[in-house]
Amino acid sequence: MRTLRIALMTAVVAMAGILSATAQTADEIIQKHLDAIGGLDKWKNVQTMKLVGSITAQGMEMPLTITTEQGKGMKVEFSMNGITGYQIVTDKAGWNYMPFGGQTKPEAMPDEMVKQMQDGLDIQGALVDYKAKGSKVVYLGKDDVEGTDCYKLKVTRSNGKEETMYIDATNYYHIRSKSKLVANGKEVEETSNYGNFQKLPEGIVIPMTLDDGNGPVAFKSVEVNKPLAADVFKPTDTGSKN
């Protein structure tokens, strides 16, 4: 019995050590990731961002602009055949304007779509001050992403949404995410891949390409902390001033 108790105590101590090491490893990976992309302070200073580029879908390359203000609003504009549509989401509501199919005025987004897009309001990233945001991060071990050794971090946001992030074990860049979305009433898994990382004059590093399965996106210019028009996140049927 004494031998059994010693074995059990040893197992408990070992397990506690493993759990502690896991928690420390998650924060250690996060710290190295933040250092690699410019540092916590520089990212906390980011309040607005405007990305200009293009998305390729159905054999067409369409101009794309994404304008975001931290925690307040995001507008995604895309043009096709000289016609511009958009999606707007704020911390309270969202709208779609798709004139390509004859839509003549903005329409309110379904609540589920608003909730899904609101994650995009955090341009600083889910790992920046994640504890203060009410999120939890768990280290899931290593995995291979198309030949790249990666650390896996499971992020659970305060709203319950989960995302698995893949952090390159060599340079600590975030190169892939997997998350679950609701589309047409069904839960589906979305995989987003990030690449072509570039350092901006502000000292932060961002991916200039991404692909979430809806068509590859390539950005050619980025503006950080530039003033935005007061009405940029208000729905109109004539475009925006941003």
C-alpha atoms as a PDB file:
ATOM      1  CA  MET A   1       0.000   0.000   0.000  1.00  0.00           C
ATOM      2  CA  ARG A   2       2.819   2.365   0.902  1.00  0.00           C
ATOM      3  CA  THR A   3       4.388   1.716  -2.488  1.00  0.00           C
ATOM      4  CA  LEU A   4       1.039   2.394  -4.170  1.00  0.00           C
ATOM      5  CA  ARG A   5       0.609   5.706  -2.292  1.00  0.00           C
ATOM      6  CA  ILE A   6       4.118   6.790  -3.272  1.00  0.00           C
ATOM      7  CA  ALA A   7       3.414   5.909  -6.903  1.00  0.00           C
ATOM      8  CA  LEU A   8       0.142   7.861  -6.842  1.00  0.00           C
ATOM      9  CA  MET A   9       1.801  10.883  -5.224  1.00  0.00           C
ATOM     10  CA  THR A  10       4.571  10.759  -7.796  1.00  0.00           C
ATOM     11  CA  ALA A  11       2.003  10.652 -10.600  1.00  0.00           C
ATOM     12  CA  VAL A  12       0.077  13.603  -9.128  1.00  0.00           C
ATOM     13  CA  VAL A  13       3.247  15.675  -8.759  1.00  0.00           C
ATOM     14  CA  ALA A  14       4.324  14.787 -12.297  1.00  0.00           C
ATOM     15  CA  MET A  15       0.911  15.712 -13.691  1.00  0.00           C
ATOM     16  CA  ALA A  16       0.953  19.039 -11.841  1.00  0.00           C
ATOM     17  CA  GLY A  17       4.378  19.687 -13.303  1.00  0.00           C
ATOM     18  CA  ILE A  18       3.145  18.885 -16.803  1.00  0.00           C
ATOM     19  CA  LEU A  19       0.128  21.199 -16.452  1.00  0.00           C
ATOM     20  CA  SER A  20       2.306  23.983 -15.096  1.00  0.00           C
ATOM     21  CA  ALA A  21       4.826  23.532 -17.890  1.00  0.00           C
ATOM     22  CA  THR A  22       2.035  23.556 -20.454  1.00  0.00           C
ATOM     23  CA  ALA A  23       0.649  26.847 -19.139  1.00  0.00           C
ATOM     24  CA  GLN A  24       4.121  28.387 -19.094  1.00  0.00           C
ATOM     25  CA  THR A  25       4.814  27.079 -22.585  1.00  0.00           C
ATOM     26  CA  ALA A  26       1.667  28.717 -23.981  1.00  0.00           C
ATOM     27  CA  ASP A  27       2.621  32.106 -22.548  1.00  0.00           C
ATOM     28  CA  GLU A  28       6.214  31.607 -23.625  1.00  0.00           C
ATOM     29  CA  ILE A  29       5.125  30.943 -27.196  1.00  0.00           C
ATOM     30  CA  ILE A  30       2.819  33.952 -27.133  1.00  0.00           C
ATOM     31  CA  GLN A  31       5.625  36.183 -25.865  1.00  0.00           C
ATOM     32  CA  LYS A  32       7.998  34.996 -28.595  1.00  0.00           C
ATOM     33  CA  HIS A  33       5.262  35.438 -31.197  1.00  0.00           C
ATOM     34  CA  LEU A  34       4.563  39.021 -30.081  1.00  0.00           C
ATOM     35  CA  ASP A  35       8.291  39.808 -30.034  1.00  0.00           C
ATOM     36  CA  ALA A  36       8.605  38.433 -33.578  1.00  0.00           C
ATOM     37  CA  ILE A  37       5.816  40.659 -34.950  1.00  0.00           C
ATOM     38  CA  GLY A  38       6.984  43.887 -33.361  1.00  0.00           C
ATOM     39  CA  GLY A  39       6.267  43.660 -29.661  1.00  0.00           C
ATOM     40  CA  LEU A  40       3.267  44.110 -27.394  1.00  0.00           C
ATOM     41  CA  ASP A  41       3.598  47.888 -26.994  1.00  0.00           C
ATOM     42  CA  LYS A  42       3.711  48.597 -30.725  1.00  0.00           C
ATOM     43  CA  TRP A  43       0.637  46.448 -31.380  1.00  0.00           C
ATOM     44  CA  LYS A  44      -1.320  48.001 -28.501  1.00  0.00           C
ATOM     45  CA  ASN A  45      -0.674  51.340 -30.186  1.00  0.00           C
ATOM     46  CA  VAL A  46      -2.461  50.240 -33.376  1.00  0.00           C
ATOM     47  CA  GLN A  47      -5.911  51.844 -33.438  1.00  0.00           C
ATOM     48  CA  THR A  48      -6.749  52.031 -37.154  1.00  0.00           C
ATOM     49  CA  MET A  49      -5.609  50.077 -40.185  1.00  0.00           C
ATOM     50  CA  LYS A  50      -6.421  50.314 -43.878  1.00  0.00           C
ATOM     51  CA  LEU A  51      -5.302  47.546 -46.240  1.00  0.00           C
ATOM     52  CA  VAL A  52      -5.555  47.882 -50.023  1.00  0.00           C
ATOM     53  CA  GLY A  53      -5.109  44.983 -52.394  1.00  0.00           C
ATOM     54  CA  SER A  54      -7.095  42.468 -54.390  1.00  0.00           C
ATOM     55  CA  ILE A  55      -8.919  39.161 -54.114  1.00  0.00           C
ATOM     56  CA  THR A  56      -8.927  36.550 -56.858  1.00  0.00           C
ATOM     57  CA  ALA A  57     -12.187  34.641 -57.215  1.00  0.00           C
ATOM     58  CA  GLN A  58     -13.842  32.816 -60.095  1.00  0.00           C
ATOM     59  CA  GLY A  59     -10.920  33.711 -62.329  1.00  0.00           C
ATOM     60  CA  MET A  60     -11.263  37.441 -61.681  1.00  0.00           C
ATOM     61  CA  GLU A  61      -9.003  39.774 -59.719  1.00  0.00           C
ATOM     62  CA  MET A  62     -11.106  42.277 -57.799  1.00  0.00           C
ATOM     63  CA  PRO A  63      -9.865  45.384 -55.949  1.00  0.00           C
ATOM     64  CA  LEU A  64     -10.268  45.054 -52.186  1.00  0.00           C
ATOM     65  CA  THR A  65     -10.017  47.541 -49.309  1.00  0.00           C
ATOM     66  CA  ILE A  66     -10.372  46.690 -45.612  1.00  0.00           C
ATOM     67  CA  THR A  67     -10.668  49.593 -43.158  1.00  0.00           C
ATOM     68  CA  THR A  68     -10.775  48.884 -39.421  1.00  0.00           C
ATOM     69  CA  GLU A  69     -10.875  50.863 -36.192  1.00  0.00           C
ATOM     70  CA  GLN A  70      -9.918  48.866 -33.107  1.00  0.00           C
ATOM     71  CA  GLY A  71     -13.015  47.557 -31.362  1.00  0.00           C
ATOM     72  CA  LYS A  72     -15.390  49.875 -33.211  1.00  0.00           C
ATOM     73  CA  GLY A  73     -15.882  49.050 -36.866  1.00  0.00           C
ATOM     74  CA  MET A  74     -14.684  47.321 -40.015  1.00  0.00           C
ATOM     75  CA  LYS A  75     -15.563  47.912 -43.660  1.00  0.00           C
ATOM     76  CA  VAL A  76     -14.672  45.491 -46.446  1.00  0.00           C
ATOM     77  CA  GLU A  77     -15.070  46.982 -49.940  1.00  0.00           C
ATOM     78  CA  PHE A  78     -14.666  45.068 -53.200  1.00  0.00           C
ATOM     79  CA  SER A  79     -15.238  46.080 -56.811  1.00  0.00           C
ATOM     80  CA  MET A  80     -16.295  44.078 -59.825  1.00  0.00           C
ATOM     81  CA  ASN A  81     -16.826  45.435 -63.337  1.00  0.00           C
ATOM     82  CA  GLY A  82     -16.632  48.983 -62.019  1.00  0.00           C
ATOM     83  CA  ILE A  83     -19.275  48.390 -59.339  1.00  0.00           C
ATOM     84  CA  THR A  84     -18.368  48.539 -55.639  1.00  0.00           C
ATOM     85  CA  GLY A  85     -20.084  46.630 -52.854  1.00  0.00           C
ATOM     86  CA  TYR A  86     -19.252  46.326 -49.191  1.00  0.00           C
ATOM     87  CA  GLN A  87     -19.791  44.716 -45.834  1.00  0.00           C
ATOM     88  CA  ILE A  88     -19.774  46.815 -42.668  1.00  0.00           C
ATOM     89  CA  VAL A  89     -19.723  45.490 -39.127  1.00  0.00           C
ATOM     90  CA  THR A  90     -19.522  47.490 -35.912  1.00  0.00           C
ATOM     91  CA  ASP A  91     -19.602  46.544 -32.259  1.00  0.00           C
ATOM     92  CA  LYS A  92     -23.403  46.787 -32.467  1.00  0.00           C
ATOM     93  CA  ALA A  93     -24.624  45.905 -35.989  1.00  0.00           C
ATOM     94  CA  GLY A  94     -23.702  45.034 -39.574  1.00  0.00           C
ATOM     95  CA  TRP A  95     -24.813  45.679 -43.158  1.00  0.00           C
ATOM     96  CA  ASN A  96     -24.349  44.162 -46.611  1.00  0.00           C
ATOM     97  CA  TYR A  97     -24.475  46.116 -49.863  1.00  0.00           C
ATOM     98  CA  MET A  98     -24.155  43.941 -52.962  1.00  0.00           C
ATOM     99  CA  PRO A  99     -25.231  45.961 -56.019  1.00  0.00           C
ATOM    100  CA  PHE A 100     -23.829  43.324 -58.412  1.00  0.00           C
ATOM    101  CA  GLY A 101     -27.111  41.403 -58.228  1.00  0.00           C
ATOM    102  CA  GLY A 102     -29.364  44.419 -58.337  1.00  0.00           C
ATOM    103  CA  GLN A 103     -29.402  45.344 -54.640  1.00  0.00           C
ATOM    104  CA  THR A 104     -30.236  49.054 -54.439  1.00  0.00           C
ATOM    105  CA  LYS A 105     -29.659  49.787 -50.756  1.00  0.00           C
ATOM    106  CA  PRO A 106     -27.775  48.343 -47.780  1.00  0.00           C
ATOM    107  CA  GLU A 107     -29.449  45.536 -45.853  1.00  0.00           C
ATOM    108  CA  ALA A 108     -28.926  44.539 -42.238  1.00  0.00           C
ATOM    109  CA  MET A 109     -26.767  41.464 -41.690  1.00  0.00           C
ATOM    110  CA  PRO A 110     -28.215  38.444 -39.903  1.00  0.00           C
ATOM    111  CA  ASP A 111     -27.199  38.445 -36.240  1.00  0.00           C
ATOM    112  CA  GLU A 112     -25.103  35.291 -36.655  1.00  0.00           C
ATOM    113  CA  MET A 113     -23.045  36.900 -39.428  1.00  0.00           C
ATOM    114  CA  VAL A 114     -22.523  40.017 -37.325  1.00  0.00           C
ATOM    115  CA  LYS A 115     -21.186  37.912 -34.444  1.00  0.00           C
ATOM    116  CA  GLN A 116     -18.821  36.043 -36.743  1.00  0.00           C
ATOM    117  CA  MET A 117     -17.426  39.189 -38.360  1.00  0.00           C
ATOM    118  CA  GLN A 118     -17.005  41.076 -35.094  1.00  0.00           C
ATOM    119  CA  ASP A 119     -13.823  39.119 -34.375  1.00  0.00           C
ATOM    120  CA  GLY A 120     -12.307  41.230 -37.144  1.00  0.00           C
ATOM    121  CA  LEU A 121     -12.704  44.367 -35.029  1.00  0.00           C
ATOM    122  CA  ASP A 122      -9.668  43.271 -33.022  1.00  0.00           C
ATOM    123  CA  ILE A 123      -6.944  44.343 -35.443  1.00  0.00           C
ATOM    124  CA  GLN A 124      -4.340  44.011 -32.680  1.00  0.00           C
ATOM    125  CA  GLY A 125      -4.860  40.258 -32.711  1.00  0.00           C
ATOM    126  CA  ALA A 126      -6.366  37.713 -30.326  1.00  0.00           C
ATOM    127  CA  LEU A 127      -3.047  37.098 -28.520  1.00  0.00           C
ATOM    128  CA  VAL A 128      -2.428  40.755 -27.625  1.00  0.00           C
ATOM    129  CA  ASP A 129      -3.538  41.185 -23.992  1.00  0.00           C
ATOM    130  CA  TYR A 130      -5.603  38.025 -24.327  1.00  0.00           C
ATOM    131  CA  LYS A 131      -6.194  37.724 -20.572  1.00  0.00           C
ATOM    132  CA  ALA A 132      -7.499  41.278 -20.315  1.00  0.00           C
ATOM    133  CA  LYS A 133      -9.904  40.475 -23.159  1.00  0.00           C
ATOM    134  CA  GLY A 134     -11.271  37.533 -21.194  1.00  0.00           C
ATOM    135  CA  SER A 135      -9.796  34.919 -23.522  1.00  0.00           C
ATOM    136  CA  LYS A 136      -8.063  31.670 -22.614  1.00  0.00           C
ATOM    137  CA  VAL A 137      -5.141  30.056 -24.440  1.00  0.00           C
ATOM    138  CA  VAL A 138      -4.078  26.413 -24.207  1.00  0.00           C
ATOM    139  CA  TYR A 139      -0.990  24.848 -25.760  1.00  0.00           C
ATOM    140  CA  LEU A 140      -1.920  21.738 -27.772  1.00  0.00           C
ATOM    141  CA  GLY A 141       1.554  20.567 -28.768  1.00  0.00           C
ATOM    142  CA  LYS A 142       3.205  20.597 -32.164  1.00  0.00           C
ATOM    143  CA  ASP A 143       1.867  19.872 -35.632  1.00  0.00           C
ATOM    144  CA  ASP A 144       3.069  19.960 -39.223  1.00  0.00           C
ATOM    145  CA  VAL A 145       1.669  22.587 -41.609  1.00  0.00           C
ATOM    146  CA  GLU A 146       2.728  21.675 -45.136  1.00  0.00           C
ATOM    147  CA  GLY A 147       6.240  20.845 -43.988  1.00  0.00           C
ATOM    148  CA  THR A 148       6.532  23.603 -41.375  1.00  0.00           C
ATOM    149  CA  ASP A 149       6.864  22.619 -37.730  1.00  0.00           C
ATOM    150  CA  CYS A 150       4.299  24.610 -35.732  1.00  0.00           C
ATOM    151  CA  TYR A 151       3.087  25.159 -32.190  1.00  0.00           C
ATOM    152  CA  LYS A 152      -0.685  24.801 -31.793  1.00  0.00           C
ATOM    153  CA  LEU A 153      -2.530  27.237 -29.539  1.00  0.00           C
ATOM    154  CA  LYS A 154      -6.227  26.918 -28.831  1.00  0.00           C
ATOM    155  CA  VAL A 155      -7.773  30.342 -28.188  1.00  0.00           C
ATOM    156  CA  THR A 156     -11.191  30.528 -26.534  1.00  0.00           C
ATOM    157  CA  ARG A 157     -12.603  34.049 -26.633  1.00  0.00           C
ATOM    158  CA  SER A 158     -14.862  35.549 -23.987  1.00  0.00           C
ATOM    159  CA  ASN A 159     -17.858  34.913 -26.272  1.00  0.00           C
ATOM    160  CA  GLY A 160     -17.054  31.197 -26.363  1.00  0.00           C
ATOM    161  CA  LYS A 161     -15.726  31.116 -29.935  1.00  0.00           C
ATOM    162  CA  GLU A 162     -12.707  28.901 -30.436  1.00  0.00           C
ATOM    163  CA  GLU A 163      -9.769  29.213 -32.810  1.00  0.00           C
ATOM    164  CA  THR A 164      -6.707  27.036 -33.241  1.00  0.00           C
ATOM    165  CA  MET A 165      -3.634  29.036 -34.182  1.00  0.00           C
ATOM    166  CA  TYR A 166      -0.537  27.521 -35.767  1.00  0.00           C
ATOM    167  CA  ILE A 167       2.662  29.386 -34.853  1.00  0.00           C
ATOM    168  CA  ASP A 168       5.776  28.687 -36.923  1.00  0.00           C
ATOM    169  CA  ALA A 169       8.261  27.096 -34.502  1.00  0.00           C
ATOM    170  CA  THR A 170      11.188  28.780 -36.292  1.00  0.00           C
ATOM    171  CA  ASN A 171      10.167  32.427 -36.692  1.00  0.00           C
ATOM    172  CA  TYR A 172       7.063  32.477 -34.457  1.00  0.00           C
ATOM    173  CA  TYR A 173       4.796  33.919 -37.140  1.00  0.00           C
ATOM    174  CA  HIS A 174       1.120  32.965 -37.110  1.00  0.00           C
ATOM    175  CA  ILE A 175       0.732  31.075 -40.411  1.00  0.00           C
ATOM    176  CA  ARG A 176      -2.586  29.258 -40.098  1.00  0.00           C
ATOM    177  CA  SER A 177      -5.863  29.372 -38.183  1.00  0.00           C
ATOM    178  CA  LYS A 178      -8.750  26.961 -37.945  1.00  0.00           C
ATOM    179  CA  SER A 179     -12.113  28.058 -36.602  1.00  0.00           C
ATOM    180  CA  LYS A 180     -15.749  27.024 -36.784  1.00  0.00           C
ATOM    181  CA  LEU A 181     -18.386  29.155 -38.506  1.00  0.00           C
ATOM    182  CA  VAL A 182     -22.109  28.835 -39.064  1.00  0.00           C
ATOM    183  CA  ALA A 183     -23.080  28.936 -42.764  1.00  0.00           C
ATOM    184  CA  ASN A 184     -26.630  28.314 -43.953  1.00  0.00           C
ATOM    185  CA  GLY A 185     -27.514  27.034 -40.505  1.00  0.00           C
ATOM    186  CA  LYS A 186     -24.666  24.504 -40.461  1.00  0.00           C
ATOM    187  CA  GLU A 187     -21.399  24.562 -38.581  1.00  0.00           C
ATOM    188  CA  VAL A 188     -18.378  24.420 -40.877  1.00  0.00           C
ATOM    189  CA  GLU A 189     -14.639  24.613 -40.242  1.00  0.00           C
ATOM    190  CA  GLU A 190     -12.732  27.423 -41.917  1.00  0.00           C
ATOM    191  CA  THR A 191      -8.978  27.310 -42.492  1.00  0.00           C
ATOM    192  CA  SER A 192      -7.090  30.550 -43.093  1.00  0.00           C
ATOM    193  CA  ASN A 193      -3.470  30.596 -44.268  1.00  0.00           C
ATOM    194  CA  TYR A 194      -1.181  33.632 -43.921  1.00  0.00           C
ATOM    195  CA  GLY A 195       2.057  34.460 -45.727  1.00  0.00           C
ATOM    196  CA  ASN A 196       4.412  37.072 -47.218  1.00  0.00           C
ATOM    197  CA  PHE A 197       5.092  38.689 -43.840  1.00  0.00           C
ATOM    198  CA  GLN A 198       6.415  42.237 -44.028  1.00  0.00           C
ATOM    199  CA  LYS A 199       7.600  44.739 -41.454  1.00  0.00           C
ATOM    200  CA  LEU A 200       5.846  48.114 -41.643  1.00  0.00           C
ATOM    201  CA  PRO A 201       7.437  51.492 -40.856  1.00  0.00           C
ATOM    202  CA  GLU A 202       5.561  51.400 -37.528  1.00  0.00           C
ATOM    203  CA  GLY A 203       7.691  48.399 -36.543  1.00  0.00           C
ATOM    204  CA  ILE A 204       4.934  45.785 -36.678  1.00  0.00           C
ATOM    205  CA  VAL A 205       4.934  42.701 -38.913  1.00  0.00           C
ATOM    206  CA  ILE A 206       1.791  41.603 -40.784  1.00  0.00           C
ATOM    207  CA  PRO A 207       0.983  39.009 -43.452  1.00  0.00           C
ATOM    208  CA  MET A 208       0.437  40.554 -46.876  1.00  0.00           C
ATOM    209  CA  THR A 209      -1.309  37.469 -48.273  1.00  0.00           C
ATOM    210  CA  LEU A 210      -4.094  35.302 -46.905  1.00  0.00           C
ATOM    211  CA  ASP A 211      -6.389  32.581 -48.177  1.00  0.00           C
ATOM    212  CA  ASP A 212      -9.449  31.356 -46.323  1.00  0.00           C
ATOM    213  CA  GLY A 213     -10.852  29.268 -49.143  1.00  0.00           C
ATOM    214  CA  ASN A 214     -12.883  32.100 -50.664  1.00  0.00           C
ATOM    215  CA  GLY A 215     -10.035  33.163 -52.937  1.00  0.00           C
ATOM    216  CA  PRO A 216      -6.457  34.308 -52.293  1.00  0.00           C
ATOM    217  CA  VAL A 217      -6.007  37.878 -51.089  1.00  0.00           C
ATOM    218  CA  ALA A 218      -2.870  39.967 -51.678  1.00  0.00           C
ATOM    219  CA  PHE A 219      -2.359  43.383 -50.103  1.00  0.00           C
ATOM    220  CA  LYS A 220      -0.124  45.987 -51.711  1.00  0.00           C
ATOM    221  CA  SER A 221      -0.361  48.842 -49.205  1.00  0.00           C
ATOM    222  CA  VAL A 222      -1.076  49.312 -45.502  1.00  0.00           C
ATOM    223  CA  GLU A 223      -1.857  52.490 -43.559  1.00  0.00           C
ATOM    224  CA  VAL A 224      -1.679  52.424 -39.761  1.00  0.00           C
ATOM    225  CA  ASN A 225      -3.223  54.960 -37.359  1.00  0.00           C
ATOM    226  CA  LYS A 226      -4.386  57.301 -40.124  1.00  0.00           C
ATOM    227  CA  PRO A 227      -7.505  59.392 -39.381  1.00  0.00           C
ATOM    228  CA  LEU A 228     -10.737  57.878 -40.725  1.00  0.00           C
ATOM    229  CA  ALA A 229     -13.796  59.706 -42.004  1.00  0.00           C
ATOM    230  CA  ALA A 230     -16.490  60.034 -39.353  1.00  0.00           C
ATOM    231  CA  ASP A 231     -19.028  58.203 -41.533  1.00  0.00           C
ATOM    232  CA  VAL A 232     -16.796  55.382 -42.758  1.00  0.00           C
ATOM    233  CA  PHE A 233     -18.805  52.732 -40.871  1.00  0.00           C
ATOM    234  CA  LYS A 234     -22.224  54.119 -41.761  1.00  0.00           C
ATOM    235  CA  PRO A 235     -24.137  52.285 -44.521  1.00  0.00           C
ATOM    236  CA  THR A 236     -24.796  54.232 -47.748  1.00  0.00           C
ATOM    237  CA  ASP A 237     -25.557  53.208 -51.316  1.00  0.00           C
ATOM    238  CA  THR A 238     -22.843  55.431 -52.795  1.00  0.00           C
ATOM    239  CA  GLY A 239     -19.631  54.038 -51.292  1.00  0.00           C
ATOM    240  CA  SER A 240     -17.546  55.594 -48.561  1.00  0.00           C
ATOM    241  CA  LYS A 241     -14.893  58.172 -47.789  1.00  0.00           C
ATOM    242  CA  ASN A 242     -12.021  56.470 -46.024  1.00  0.00           C
END
